[in-house]
Amino acid sequence: MEINTDISLVIPLFNEVESLPELQAWIKKVMDENNLSYEIVFIDDGSKDGSWKVIEELKNQFKEIKGIKFQRNYGKSAALQKGFELASGNVVITMDADLQDSPDEIPELYRMITEDDFDIVSGWKKKRYDPITKTIPTKIYNWAARKLTGIQLHDFNCGLKAYKIEVVKSIEIYGDMHRYIPPLAKYSGFTKIGEKVVQHQSRKFGTTKFGMNRFLNGPLDLLSVVFMGKFGKKPMHFFGAIGTFLFIIGFAFAFYLGIDKLFIDTTSRLITERPEFYISLVAMILGSQFFLTGFLAELVGRNSSNRNHYLIEKTI
């Protein structure tokens, strides 16, 4: 992999026309003061306010600017994925375009990657300038993410993060998976994940892009990431284990009812009148369905084109 610059800044944006000139000037000031070579990859996620025109104007003035424009709004994950594909710096840093992330944090994030040898450094907005309708759900979400992934970060969704270039080239993000890049990286073998308290600033221009659908999509995406990370290559280990357990429970109830009816209480009510019969029936049906789901998932995985796609660090 050819490394051309010290830092690639990947910045997705949607309707941030007022912020872009100030953000670019702030980044340039920080980079020049610290003698860092850099590139800025702006990804316009279907803006309707003239953001792309500003990016084109900046591109004409500064050779460090690169730009991608989507025909419509695809979401932050798609924007980051395309930005990662284009990035060529030794360290990749992501940040939001709304000026709530401070470029002054960039040198220290870069140092933690290059000198402290972290694979990822995630920002932690310890003091936030967001409404309570956003901060409370964020705290609950971060607690659940820590419990399920085992990664002890305080702020999974912070847009200000730094990565080794190998990390962003080894993962694929889609849907709303941008919130879970640290777990995706962990499941790809990048386990040295650090955290840095970063400054969070109140929004200067525009309006927040925070939507209510995050309350539903966030937890579902978290479960998807955890499941795919642990069982993506071996679904039978998950579905088959649950199916076998349920089937054994159901069969045990059925066996007990049979023995009881034949040898112990032969004059009592019919087996179908006892609740244990329906427990055993439902458990065996569910167990069979789980087992078949795992079996079919294994068949699908066996015929997948990337079934033997493993990340190789070195060869000699």
C-alpha atoms as a PDB file:
ATOM      1  CA  MET A   1       0.000   0.000   0.000  1.00  0.00           C
ATOM      2  CA  GLU A   2       1.483   3.318  -1.066  1.00  0.00           C
ATOM      3  CA  ILE A   3       1.414   5.927   1.699  1.00  0.00           C
ATOM      4  CA  ASN A   4       1.417   9.463   0.316  1.00  0.00           C
ATOM      5  CA  THR A   5       0.589  11.625   3.332  1.00  0.00           C
ATOM      6  CA  ASP A   6       0.692  11.593   7.107  1.00  0.00           C
ATOM      7  CA  ILE A   7      -3.042  12.037   7.623  1.00  0.00           C
ATOM      8  CA  SER A   8      -6.195  11.474   5.611  1.00  0.00           C
ATOM      9  CA  LEU A   9      -9.151  13.387   7.003  1.00  0.00           C
ATOM     10  CA  VAL A  10     -12.416  11.720   5.992  1.00  0.00           C
ATOM     11  CA  ILE A  11     -15.323  14.129   6.477  1.00  0.00           C
ATOM     12  CA  PRO A  12     -18.887  13.135   5.533  1.00  0.00           C
ATOM     13  CA  LEU A  13     -21.371  15.968   5.268  1.00  0.00           C
ATOM     14  CA  PHE A  14     -24.989  16.734   4.531  1.00  0.00           C
ATOM     15  CA  ASN A  15     -26.146  20.329   4.087  1.00  0.00           C
ATOM     16  CA  GLU A  16     -23.177  22.000   5.792  1.00  0.00           C
ATOM     17  CA  VAL A  17     -22.509  24.796   3.308  1.00  0.00           C
ATOM     18  CA  GLU A  18     -21.769  27.441   5.978  1.00  0.00           C
ATOM     19  CA  SER A  19     -19.295  25.301   7.917  1.00  0.00           C
ATOM     20  CA  LEU A  20     -16.989  24.074   5.152  1.00  0.00           C
ATOM     21  CA  PRO A  21     -14.769  27.150   4.532  1.00  0.00           C
ATOM     22  CA  GLU A  22     -14.177  27.694   8.247  1.00  0.00           C
ATOM     23  CA  LEU A  23     -13.511  23.985   8.809  1.00  0.00           C
ATOM     24  CA  GLN A  24     -10.996  23.807   5.961  1.00  0.00           C
ATOM     25  CA  ALA A  25      -9.169  26.916   7.195  1.00  0.00           C
ATOM     26  CA  TRP A  26      -9.048  25.559  10.750  1.00  0.00           C
ATOM     27  CA  ILE A  27      -7.654  22.214   9.576  1.00  0.00           C
ATOM     28  CA  LYS A  28      -5.017  23.920   7.406  1.00  0.00           C
ATOM     29  CA  LYS A  29      -3.899  26.101  10.319  1.00  0.00           C
ATOM     30  CA  VAL A  30      -3.479  23.088  12.627  1.00  0.00           C
ATOM     31  CA  MET A  31      -1.642  21.016  10.011  1.00  0.00           C
ATOM     32  CA  ASP A  32       0.745  23.820   9.054  1.00  0.00           C
ATOM     33  CA  GLU A  33       1.561  24.561  12.688  1.00  0.00           C
ATOM     34  CA  ASN A  34       2.422  20.884  13.301  1.00  0.00           C
ATOM     35  CA  ASN A  35       4.209  20.340   9.969  1.00  0.00           C
ATOM     36  CA  LEU A  36       1.919  17.447   8.987  1.00  0.00           C
ATOM     37  CA  SER A  37       1.163  16.468   5.411  1.00  0.00           C
ATOM     38  CA  TYR A  38      -2.504  15.757   4.839  1.00  0.00           C
ATOM     39  CA  GLU A  39      -5.435  15.326   2.520  1.00  0.00           C
ATOM     40  CA  ILE A  40      -9.089  16.139   3.161  1.00  0.00           C
ATOM     41  CA  VAL A  41     -11.704  13.830   1.666  1.00  0.00           C
ATOM     42  CA  PHE A  42     -15.105  15.520   1.704  1.00  0.00           C
ATOM     43  CA  ILE A  43     -18.037  13.201   0.988  1.00  0.00           C
ATOM     44  CA  ASP A  44     -21.179  15.128   0.101  1.00  0.00           C
ATOM     45  CA  ASP A  45     -24.015  12.807   1.069  1.00  0.00           C
ATOM     46  CA  GLY A  46     -26.636  14.253  -1.298  1.00  0.00           C
ATOM     47  CA  SER A  47     -26.670  17.843   0.014  1.00  0.00           C
ATOM     48  CA  LYS A  48     -29.243  20.251  -1.429  1.00  0.00           C
ATOM     49  CA  ASP A  49     -27.808  23.524  -0.105  1.00  0.00           C
ATOM     50  CA  GLY A  50     -24.792  24.145  -2.324  1.00  0.00           C
ATOM     51  CA  SER A  51     -22.237  22.253  -0.239  1.00  0.00           C
ATOM     52  CA  TRP A  52     -20.764  20.602  -3.351  1.00  0.00           C
ATOM     53  CA  LYS A  53     -20.156  23.967  -5.001  1.00  0.00           C
ATOM     54  CA  VAL A  54     -18.152  25.054  -1.958  1.00  0.00           C
ATOM     55  CA  ILE A  55     -16.125  21.823  -2.105  1.00  0.00           C
ATOM     56  CA  GLU A  56     -15.367  22.483  -5.778  1.00  0.00           C
ATOM     57  CA  GLU A  57     -14.212  26.012  -4.949  1.00  0.00           C
ATOM     58  CA  LEU A  58     -11.976  24.726  -2.157  1.00  0.00           C
ATOM     59  CA  LYS A  59     -10.560  22.068  -4.484  1.00  0.00           C
ATOM     60  CA  ASN A  60      -9.538  24.783  -6.946  1.00  0.00           C
ATOM     61  CA  GLN A  61      -7.664  26.618  -4.174  1.00  0.00           C
ATOM     62  CA  PHE A  62      -6.080  23.774  -2.233  1.00  0.00           C
ATOM     63  CA  LYS A  63      -4.465  20.661  -3.709  1.00  0.00           C
ATOM     64  CA  GLU A  64      -5.104  18.724  -0.481  1.00  0.00           C
ATOM     65  CA  ILE A  65      -8.860  18.627  -1.099  1.00  0.00           C
ATOM     66  CA  LYS A  66     -10.603  15.590  -2.563  1.00  0.00           C
ATOM     67  CA  GLY A  67     -14.352  15.256  -2.992  1.00  0.00           C
ATOM     68  CA  ILE A  68     -17.043  12.667  -3.579  1.00  0.00           C
ATOM     69  CA  LYS A  69     -20.668  13.577  -4.285  1.00  0.00           C
ATOM     70  CA  PHE A  70     -23.558  11.143  -3.900  1.00  0.00           C
ATOM     71  CA  GLN A  71     -26.631  11.524  -6.116  1.00  0.00           C
ATOM     72  CA  ARG A  72     -28.845  11.263  -3.044  1.00  0.00           C
ATOM     73  CA  ASN A  73     -28.560  10.864   0.704  1.00  0.00           C
ATOM     74  CA  TYR A  74     -27.254   7.355   1.442  1.00  0.00           C
ATOM     75  CA  GLY A  75     -26.242   7.870   5.073  1.00  0.00           C
ATOM     76  CA  LYS A  76     -23.064   8.334   7.052  1.00  0.00           C
ATOM     77  CA  SER A  77     -21.887   4.723   6.762  1.00  0.00           C
ATOM     78  CA  ALA A  78     -21.899   4.806   2.961  1.00  0.00           C
ATOM     79  CA  ALA A  79     -20.065   8.138   3.006  1.00  0.00           C
ATOM     80  CA  LEU A  80     -17.378   6.857   5.363  1.00  0.00           C
ATOM     81  CA  GLN A  81     -16.925   3.661   3.355  1.00  0.00           C
ATOM     82  CA  LYS A  82     -16.251   5.605   0.155  1.00  0.00           C
ATOM     83  CA  GLY A  83     -13.963   7.958   2.033  1.00  0.00           C
ATOM     84  CA  PHE A  84     -11.987   5.035   3.459  1.00  0.00           C
ATOM     85  CA  GLU A  85     -11.594   3.582  -0.020  1.00  0.00           C
ATOM     86  CA  LEU A  86     -10.110   6.847  -1.275  1.00  0.00           C
ATOM     87  CA  ALA A  87      -7.906   7.584   1.759  1.00  0.00           C
ATOM     88  CA  SER A  88      -4.164   7.129   1.331  1.00  0.00           C
ATOM     89  CA  GLY A  89      -2.679   8.590   4.522  1.00  0.00           C
ATOM     90  CA  ASN A  90      -0.690   6.734   7.134  1.00  0.00           C
ATOM     91  CA  VAL A  91      -3.377   7.644   9.685  1.00  0.00           C
ATOM     92  CA  VAL A  92      -7.064   8.143   8.856  1.00  0.00           C
ATOM     93  CA  ILE A  93      -9.044  10.559  11.005  1.00  0.00           C
ATOM     94  CA  THR A  94     -12.802  10.969  10.727  1.00  0.00           C
ATOM     95  CA  MET A  95     -14.707  14.000  11.921  1.00  0.00           C
ATOM     96  CA  ASP A  96     -18.032  15.713  11.374  1.00  0.00           C
ATOM     97  CA  ALA A  97     -18.326  18.799   9.181  1.00  0.00           C
ATOM     98  CA  ASP A  98     -20.535  20.817  11.538  1.00  0.00           C
ATOM     99  CA  LEU A  99     -17.621  22.334  13.543  1.00  0.00           C
ATOM    100  CA  GLN A 100     -18.656  20.459  16.684  1.00  0.00           C
ATOM    101  CA  ASP A 101     -15.450  18.393  16.366  1.00  0.00           C
ATOM    102  CA  SER A 102     -12.288  20.411  16.950  1.00  0.00           C
ATOM    103  CA  PRO A 103      -9.380  20.018  14.477  1.00  0.00           C
ATOM    104  CA  ASP A 104      -7.075  21.004  17.359  1.00  0.00           C
ATOM    105  CA  GLU A 105      -7.418  17.390  18.537  1.00  0.00           C
ATOM    106  CA  ILE A 106      -5.808  16.018  15.351  1.00  0.00           C
ATOM    107  CA  PRO A 107      -2.093  16.172  16.338  1.00  0.00           C
ATOM    108  CA  GLU A 108      -2.607  14.238  19.571  1.00  0.00           C
ATOM    109  CA  LEU A 109      -4.808  11.643  17.877  1.00  0.00           C
ATOM    110  CA  TYR A 110      -2.082  11.223  15.248  1.00  0.00           C
ATOM    111  CA  ARG A 111       0.570  10.848  17.961  1.00  0.00           C
ATOM    112  CA  MET A 112      -1.429   8.181  19.809  1.00  0.00           C
ATOM    113  CA  ILE A 113      -1.650   6.114  16.613  1.00  0.00           C
ATOM    114  CA  THR A 114       1.947   6.547  15.445  1.00  0.00           C
ATOM    115  CA  GLU A 115       3.792   6.595  18.786  1.00  0.00           C
ATOM    116  CA  ASP A 116       1.540   4.751  21.243  1.00  0.00           C
ATOM    117  CA  ASP A 117       0.734   2.189  18.527  1.00  0.00           C
ATOM    118  CA  PHE A 118      -3.041   2.149  18.976  1.00  0.00           C
ATOM    119  CA  ASP A 119      -5.048   0.634  16.126  1.00  0.00           C
ATOM    120  CA  ILE A 120      -7.955   2.977  16.875  1.00  0.00           C
ATOM    121  CA  VAL A 121      -8.332   6.021  19.077  1.00  0.00           C
ATOM    122  CA  SER A 122     -11.923   7.050  19.713  1.00  0.00           C
ATOM    123  CA  GLY A 123     -12.928  10.485  20.883  1.00  0.00           C
ATOM    124  CA  TRP A 124     -14.919  10.884  24.086  1.00  0.00           C
ATOM    125  CA  LYS A 125     -17.114  13.960  24.293  1.00  0.00           C
ATOM    126  CA  LYS A 126     -17.094  14.017  28.076  1.00  0.00           C
ATOM    127  CA  LYS A 127     -18.809  17.406  28.170  1.00  0.00           C
ATOM    128  CA  ARG A 128     -21.501  17.611  25.513  1.00  0.00           C
ATOM    129  CA  TYR A 129     -23.519  20.511  24.141  1.00  0.00           C
ATOM    130  CA  ASP A 130     -26.442  18.427  22.932  1.00  0.00           C
ATOM    131  CA  PRO A 131     -30.097  18.444  24.083  1.00  0.00           C
ATOM    132  CA  ILE A 132     -31.101  15.961  26.771  1.00  0.00           C
ATOM    133  CA  THR A 133     -33.214  14.078  24.210  1.00  0.00           C
ATOM    134  CA  LYS A 134     -29.930  13.085  22.594  1.00  0.00           C
ATOM    135  CA  THR A 135     -27.603  12.699  25.602  1.00  0.00           C
ATOM    136  CA  ILE A 136     -29.777  10.299  27.646  1.00  0.00           C
ATOM    137  CA  PRO A 137     -30.312   7.742  24.819  1.00  0.00           C
ATOM    138  CA  THR A 138     -26.593   8.036  24.003  1.00  0.00           C
ATOM    139  CA  LYS A 139     -25.600   7.082  27.542  1.00  0.00           C
ATOM    140  CA  ILE A 140     -27.912   4.031  27.493  1.00  0.00           C
ATOM    141  CA  TYR A 141     -26.672   2.991  24.072  1.00  0.00           C
ATOM    142  CA  ASN A 142     -23.009   3.297  25.089  1.00  0.00           C
ATOM    143  CA  TRP A 143     -23.615   1.201  28.211  1.00  0.00           C
ATOM    144  CA  ALA A 144     -25.230  -1.566  26.142  1.00  0.00           C
ATOM    145  CA  ALA A 145     -22.444  -1.431  23.554  1.00  0.00           C
ATOM    146  CA  ARG A 146     -19.778  -1.827  26.245  1.00  0.00           C
ATOM    147  CA  LYS A 147     -21.559  -4.835  27.742  1.00  0.00           C
ATOM    148  CA  LEU A 148     -22.115  -6.628  24.436  1.00  0.00           C
ATOM    149  CA  THR A 149     -18.777  -5.927  22.743  1.00  0.00           C
ATOM    150  CA  GLY A 150     -16.399  -5.895  25.692  1.00  0.00           C
ATOM    151  CA  ILE A 151     -14.850  -2.656  24.396  1.00  0.00           C
ATOM    152  CA  GLN A 152     -14.627  -0.112  27.196  1.00  0.00           C
ATOM    153  CA  LEU A 153     -15.355   3.106  25.313  1.00  0.00           C
ATOM    154  CA  HIS A 154     -17.485   5.875  26.753  1.00  0.00           C
ATOM    155  CA  ASP A 155     -18.625   7.299  23.412  1.00  0.00           C
ATOM    156  CA  PHE A 156     -18.957   4.793  20.563  1.00  0.00           C
ATOM    157  CA  ASN A 157     -20.784   7.266  18.340  1.00  0.00           C
ATOM    158  CA  CYS A 158     -18.253  10.097  18.520  1.00  0.00           C
ATOM    159  CA  GLY A 159     -17.447  11.121  14.947  1.00  0.00           C
ATOM    160  CA  LEU A 160     -13.890  12.109  15.848  1.00  0.00           C
ATOM    161  CA  LYS A 161     -11.777   8.948  15.587  1.00  0.00           C
ATOM    162  CA  ALA A 162      -8.308   8.020  14.365  1.00  0.00           C
ATOM    163  CA  TYR A 163      -7.314   4.760  12.675  1.00  0.00           C
ATOM    164  CA  LYS A 164      -4.295   3.068  11.259  1.00  0.00           C
ATOM    165  CA  ILE A 165      -4.749   2.889   7.505  1.00  0.00           C
ATOM    166  CA  GLU A 166      -4.799  -0.930   7.730  1.00  0.00           C
ATOM    167  CA  VAL A 167      -7.932  -0.790   9.888  1.00  0.00           C
ATOM    168  CA  VAL A 168     -10.115   1.147   7.453  1.00  0.00           C
ATOM    169  CA  LYS A 169      -8.913  -0.954   4.533  1.00  0.00           C
ATOM    170  CA  SER A 170      -9.842  -4.181   6.360  1.00  0.00           C
ATOM    171  CA  ILE A 171     -13.458  -3.463   7.318  1.00  0.00           C
ATOM    172  CA  GLU A 172     -16.649  -2.758   5.415  1.00  0.00           C
ATOM    173  CA  ILE A 173     -19.386  -0.559   6.825  1.00  0.00           C
ATOM    174  CA  TYR A 174     -22.924  -0.189   5.517  1.00  0.00           C
ATOM    175  CA  GLY A 175     -26.418   0.649   6.753  1.00  0.00           C
ATOM    176  CA  ASP A 176     -25.863   2.451  10.059  1.00  0.00           C
ATOM    177  CA  MET A 177     -22.754   0.499  11.028  1.00  0.00           C
ATOM    178  CA  HIS A 178     -20.638   3.667  11.376  1.00  0.00           C
ATOM    179  CA  ARG A 179     -21.541   3.629  15.068  1.00  0.00           C
ATOM    180  CA  TYR A 180     -19.826   0.277  15.481  1.00  0.00           C
ATOM    181  CA  ILE A 181     -16.493   0.636  13.713  1.00  0.00           C
ATOM    182  CA  PRO A 182     -14.518  -0.242  16.893  1.00  0.00           C
ATOM    183  CA  PRO A 183     -16.344  -3.607  17.284  1.00  0.00           C
ATOM    184  CA  LEU A 184     -15.987  -4.306  13.556  1.00  0.00           C
ATOM    185  CA  ALA A 185     -12.266  -3.620  13.821  1.00  0.00           C
ATOM    186  CA  LYS A 186     -11.974  -5.772  16.943  1.00  0.00           C
ATOM    187  CA  TYR A 187     -13.583  -8.735  15.189  1.00  0.00           C
ATOM    188  CA  SER A 188     -11.122  -8.195  12.322  1.00  0.00           C
ATOM    189  CA  GLY A 189      -8.165  -8.548  14.694  1.00  0.00           C
ATOM    190  CA  PHE A 190      -7.435  -4.914  15.615  1.00  0.00           C
ATOM    191  CA  THR A 191      -7.728  -5.068  19.383  1.00  0.00           C
ATOM    192  CA  LYS A 192      -5.608  -2.139  20.594  1.00  0.00           C
ATOM    193  CA  ILE A 193      -8.364   0.435  20.984  1.00  0.00           C
ATOM    194  CA  GLY A 194      -7.766   3.638  22.921  1.00  0.00           C
ATOM    195  CA  GLU A 195      -9.797   6.650  23.926  1.00  0.00           C
ATOM    196  CA  LYS A 196      -9.145  10.365  24.236  1.00  0.00           C
ATOM    197  CA  VAL A 197     -11.273  13.054  25.835  1.00  0.00           C
ATOM    198  CA  VAL A 198     -12.032  15.595  23.118  1.00  0.00           C
ATOM    199  CA  GLN A 199     -13.605  19.017  23.085  1.00  0.00           C
ATOM    200  CA  HIS A 200     -17.218  19.180  21.966  1.00  0.00           C
ATOM    201  CA  GLN A 201     -18.518  22.486  20.674  1.00  0.00           C
ATOM    202  CA  SER A 202     -22.049  23.720  20.265  1.00  0.00           C
ATOM    203  CA  ARG A 203     -23.407  23.770  16.730  1.00  0.00           C
ATOM    204  CA  LYS A 204     -22.579  27.031  14.968  1.00  0.00           C
ATOM    205  CA  PHE A 205     -24.491  26.611  11.690  1.00  0.00           C
ATOM    206  CA  GLY A 206     -27.417  24.568  10.429  1.00  0.00           C
ATOM    207  CA  THR A 207     -29.474  22.015  12.299  1.00  0.00           C
ATOM    208  CA  THR A 208     -28.777  18.592  13.778  1.00  0.00           C
ATOM    209  CA  LYS A 209     -29.223  15.509  11.589  1.00  0.00           C
ATOM    210  CA  PHE A 210     -30.215  13.413  14.610  1.00  0.00           C
ATOM    211  CA  GLY A 211     -33.385  11.417  13.912  1.00  0.00           C
ATOM    212  CA  MET A 212     -35.778   9.348  15.999  1.00  0.00           C
ATOM    213  CA  ASN A 213     -35.060   6.249  13.884  1.00  0.00           C
ATOM    214  CA  ARG A 214     -31.745   5.987  15.710  1.00  0.00           C
ATOM    215  CA  PHE A 215     -33.583   4.703  18.794  1.00  0.00           C
ATOM    216  CA  LEU A 216     -34.649   1.587  16.866  1.00  0.00           C
ATOM    217  CA  ASN A 217     -31.849   1.149  14.340  1.00  0.00           C
ATOM    218  CA  GLY A 218     -29.006   1.580  16.821  1.00  0.00           C
ATOM    219  CA  PRO A 219     -29.766  -1.434  19.070  1.00  0.00           C
ATOM    220  CA  LEU A 220     -30.626  -3.638  16.085  1.00  0.00           C
ATOM    221  CA  ASP A 221     -27.360  -2.775  14.350  1.00  0.00           C
ATOM    222  CA  LEU A 222     -25.458  -3.465  17.571  1.00  0.00           C
ATOM    223  CA  LEU A 223     -26.949  -6.955  17.788  1.00  0.00           C
ATOM    224  CA  SER A 224     -26.107  -7.533  14.110  1.00  0.00           C
ATOM    225  CA  VAL A 225     -22.473  -6.512  14.596  1.00  0.00           C
ATOM    226  CA  VAL A 226     -22.027  -8.693  17.682  1.00  0.00           C
ATOM    227  CA  PHE A 227     -23.702 -11.698  16.042  1.00  0.00           C
ATOM    228  CA  MET A 228     -21.752 -11.397  12.772  1.00  0.00           C
ATOM    229  CA  GLY A 229     -18.510 -10.892  14.643  1.00  0.00           C
ATOM    230  CA  LYS A 230     -18.958 -14.019  16.736  1.00  0.00           C
ATOM    231  CA  PHE A 231     -20.973 -16.334  14.487  1.00  0.00           C
ATOM    232  CA  GLY A 232     -20.725 -14.908  10.962  1.00  0.00           C
ATOM    233  CA  LYS A 233     -18.479 -17.773   9.826  1.00  0.00           C
ATOM    234  CA  LYS A 234     -20.175 -20.457  11.940  1.00  0.00           C
ATOM    235  CA  PRO A 235     -23.949 -19.833  12.255  1.00  0.00           C
ATOM    236  CA  MET A 236     -24.611 -23.480  13.129  1.00  0.00           C
ATOM    237  CA  HIS A 237     -22.780 -22.969  16.416  1.00  0.00           C
ATOM    238  CA  PHE A 238     -25.437 -20.444  17.429  1.00  0.00           C
ATOM    239  CA  PHE A 239     -28.672 -21.735  15.899  1.00  0.00           C
ATOM    240  CA  GLY A 240     -27.731 -25.394  16.247  1.00  0.00           C
ATOM    241  CA  ALA A 241     -26.906 -25.038  19.943  1.00  0.00           C
ATOM    242  CA  ILE A 242     -30.208 -23.312  20.721  1.00  0.00           C
ATOM    243  CA  GLY A 243     -32.145 -25.788  18.575  1.00  0.00           C
ATOM    244  CA  THR A 244     -30.529 -28.830  20.184  1.00  0.00           C
ATOM    245  CA  PHE A 245     -31.169 -27.471  23.696  1.00  0.00           C
ATOM    246  CA  LEU A 246     -34.841 -26.769  22.983  1.00  0.00           C
ATOM    247  CA  PHE A 247     -35.354 -30.141  21.308  1.00  0.00           C
ATOM    248  CA  ILE A 248     -33.806 -31.991  24.258  1.00  0.00           C
ATOM    249  CA  ILE A 249     -36.066 -30.074  26.691  1.00  0.00           C
ATOM    250  CA  GLY A 250     -39.143 -30.928  24.617  1.00  0.00           C
ATOM    251  CA  PHE A 251     -38.139 -34.560  24.196  1.00  0.00           C
ATOM    252  CA  ALA A 252     -37.511 -34.888  27.933  1.00  0.00           C
ATOM    253  CA  PHE A 253     -41.054 -33.644  28.677  1.00  0.00           C
ATOM    254  CA  ALA A 254     -42.519 -36.008  26.073  1.00  0.00           C
ATOM    255  CA  PHE A 255     -40.529 -38.956  27.454  1.00  0.00           C
ATOM    256  CA  TYR A 256     -41.694 -38.162  30.995  1.00  0.00           C
ATOM    257  CA  LEU A 257     -45.346 -37.992  29.864  1.00  0.00           C
ATOM    258  CA  GLY A 258     -45.014 -41.322  28.042  1.00  0.00           C
ATOM    259  CA  ILE A 259     -43.492 -43.127  31.025  1.00  0.00           C
ATOM    260  CA  ASP A 260     -46.033 -41.575  33.394  1.00  0.00           C
ATOM    261  CA  LYS A 261     -48.962 -42.615  31.200  1.00  0.00           C
ATOM    262  CA  LEU A 262     -47.742 -46.156  30.499  1.00  0.00           C
ATOM    263  CA  PHE A 263     -46.397 -47.245  33.877  1.00  0.00           C
ATOM    264  CA  ILE A 264     -47.354 -44.851  36.683  1.00  0.00           C
ATOM    265  CA  ASP A 265     -50.756 -43.195  36.339  1.00  0.00           C
ATOM    266  CA  THR A 266     -52.515 -45.144  33.610  1.00  0.00           C
ATOM    267  CA  THR A 267     -56.027 -44.000  34.590  1.00  0.00           C
ATOM    268  CA  SER A 268     -55.508 -40.247  34.712  1.00  0.00           C
ATOM    269  CA  ARG A 269     -56.568 -37.700  32.110  1.00  0.00           C
ATOM    270  CA  LEU A 270     -55.394 -37.789  28.520  1.00  0.00           C
ATOM    271  CA  ILE A 271     -51.872 -36.654  27.712  1.00  0.00           C
ATOM    272  CA  THR A 272     -53.283 -33.906  25.456  1.00  0.00           C
ATOM    273  CA  GLU A 273     -55.071 -32.428  28.449  1.00  0.00           C
ATOM    274  CA  ARG A 274     -51.823 -31.845  30.323  1.00  0.00           C
ATOM    275  CA  PRO A 275     -49.846 -28.578  29.876  1.00  0.00           C
ATOM    276  CA  GLU A 276     -46.552 -30.502  29.745  1.00  0.00           C
ATOM    277  CA  PHE A 277     -47.651 -31.969  26.395  1.00  0.00           C
ATOM    278  CA  TYR A 278     -47.870 -28.538  24.762  1.00  0.00           C
ATOM    279  CA  ILE A 279     -44.597 -27.418  26.333  1.00  0.00           C
ATOM    280  CA  SER A 280     -42.845 -30.435  24.852  1.00  0.00           C
ATOM    281  CA  LEU A 281     -44.512 -29.983  21.466  1.00  0.00           C
ATOM    282  CA  VAL A 282     -43.603 -26.290  21.163  1.00  0.00           C
ATOM    283  CA  ALA A 283     -40.036 -26.883  22.398  1.00  0.00           C
ATOM    284  CA  MET A 284     -39.413 -29.679  19.852  1.00  0.00           C
ATOM    285  CA  ILE A 285     -40.909 -27.649  16.989  1.00  0.00           C
ATOM    286  CA  LEU A 286     -38.853 -24.554  17.869  1.00  0.00           C
ATOM    287  CA  GLY A 287     -35.749 -26.684  18.368  1.00  0.00           C
ATOM    288  CA  SER A 288     -36.162 -28.243  14.949  1.00  0.00           C
ATOM    289  CA  GLN A 289     -36.671 -24.835  13.351  1.00  0.00           C
ATOM    290  CA  PHE A 290     -33.578 -23.342  14.980  1.00  0.00           C
ATOM    291  CA  PHE A 291     -31.516 -26.345  13.942  1.00  0.00           C
ATOM    292  CA  LEU A 292     -32.730 -26.150  10.336  1.00  0.00           C
ATOM    293  CA  THR A 293     -32.046 -22.379  10.305  1.00  0.00           C
ATOM    294  CA  GLY A 294     -28.448 -23.053  11.304  1.00  0.00           C
ATOM    295  CA  PHE A 295     -28.160 -25.831   8.730  1.00  0.00           C
ATOM    296  CA  LEU A 296     -29.462 -23.590   5.931  1.00  0.00           C
ATOM    297  CA  ALA A 297     -27.194 -20.740   7.040  1.00  0.00           C
ATOM    298  CA  GLU A 298     -24.215 -23.099   6.822  1.00  0.00           C
ATOM    299  CA  LEU A 299     -25.251 -24.108   3.286  1.00  0.00           C
ATOM    300  CA  VAL A 300     -25.502 -20.455   2.269  1.00  0.00           C
ATOM    301  CA  GLY A 301     -22.144 -19.673   3.856  1.00  0.00           C
ATOM    302  CA  ARG A 302     -20.520 -22.679   2.196  1.00  0.00           C
ATOM    303  CA  ASN A 303     -21.488 -21.305  -1.214  1.00  0.00           C
ATOM    304  CA  SER A 304     -20.527 -17.701  -0.406  1.00  0.00           C
ATOM    305  CA  SER A 305     -17.742 -16.207  -2.498  1.00  0.00           C
ATOM    306  CA  ASN A 306     -15.969 -14.865   0.600  1.00  0.00           C
ATOM    307  CA  ARG A 307     -16.339 -17.940   2.815  1.00  0.00           C
ATOM    308  CA  ASN A 308     -12.527 -18.213   3.016  1.00  0.00           C
ATOM    309  CA  HIS A 309     -11.883 -14.481   3.233  1.00  0.00           C
ATOM    310  CA  TYR A 310      -9.460 -14.047   6.104  1.00  0.00           C
ATOM    311  CA  LEU A 311      -7.283 -11.040   6.848  1.00  0.00           C
ATOM    312  CA  ILE A 312      -3.589 -11.852   6.424  1.00  0.00           C
ATOM    313  CA  GLU A 313      -1.183  -9.529   8.186  1.00  0.00           C
ATOM    314  CA  LYS A 314       2.118 -10.767   6.754  1.00  0.00           C
ATOM    315  CA  THR A 315       3.567 -13.430   4.494  1.00  0.00           C
ATOM    316  CA  ILE A 316       7.173 -14.477   4.054  1.00  0.00           C
END
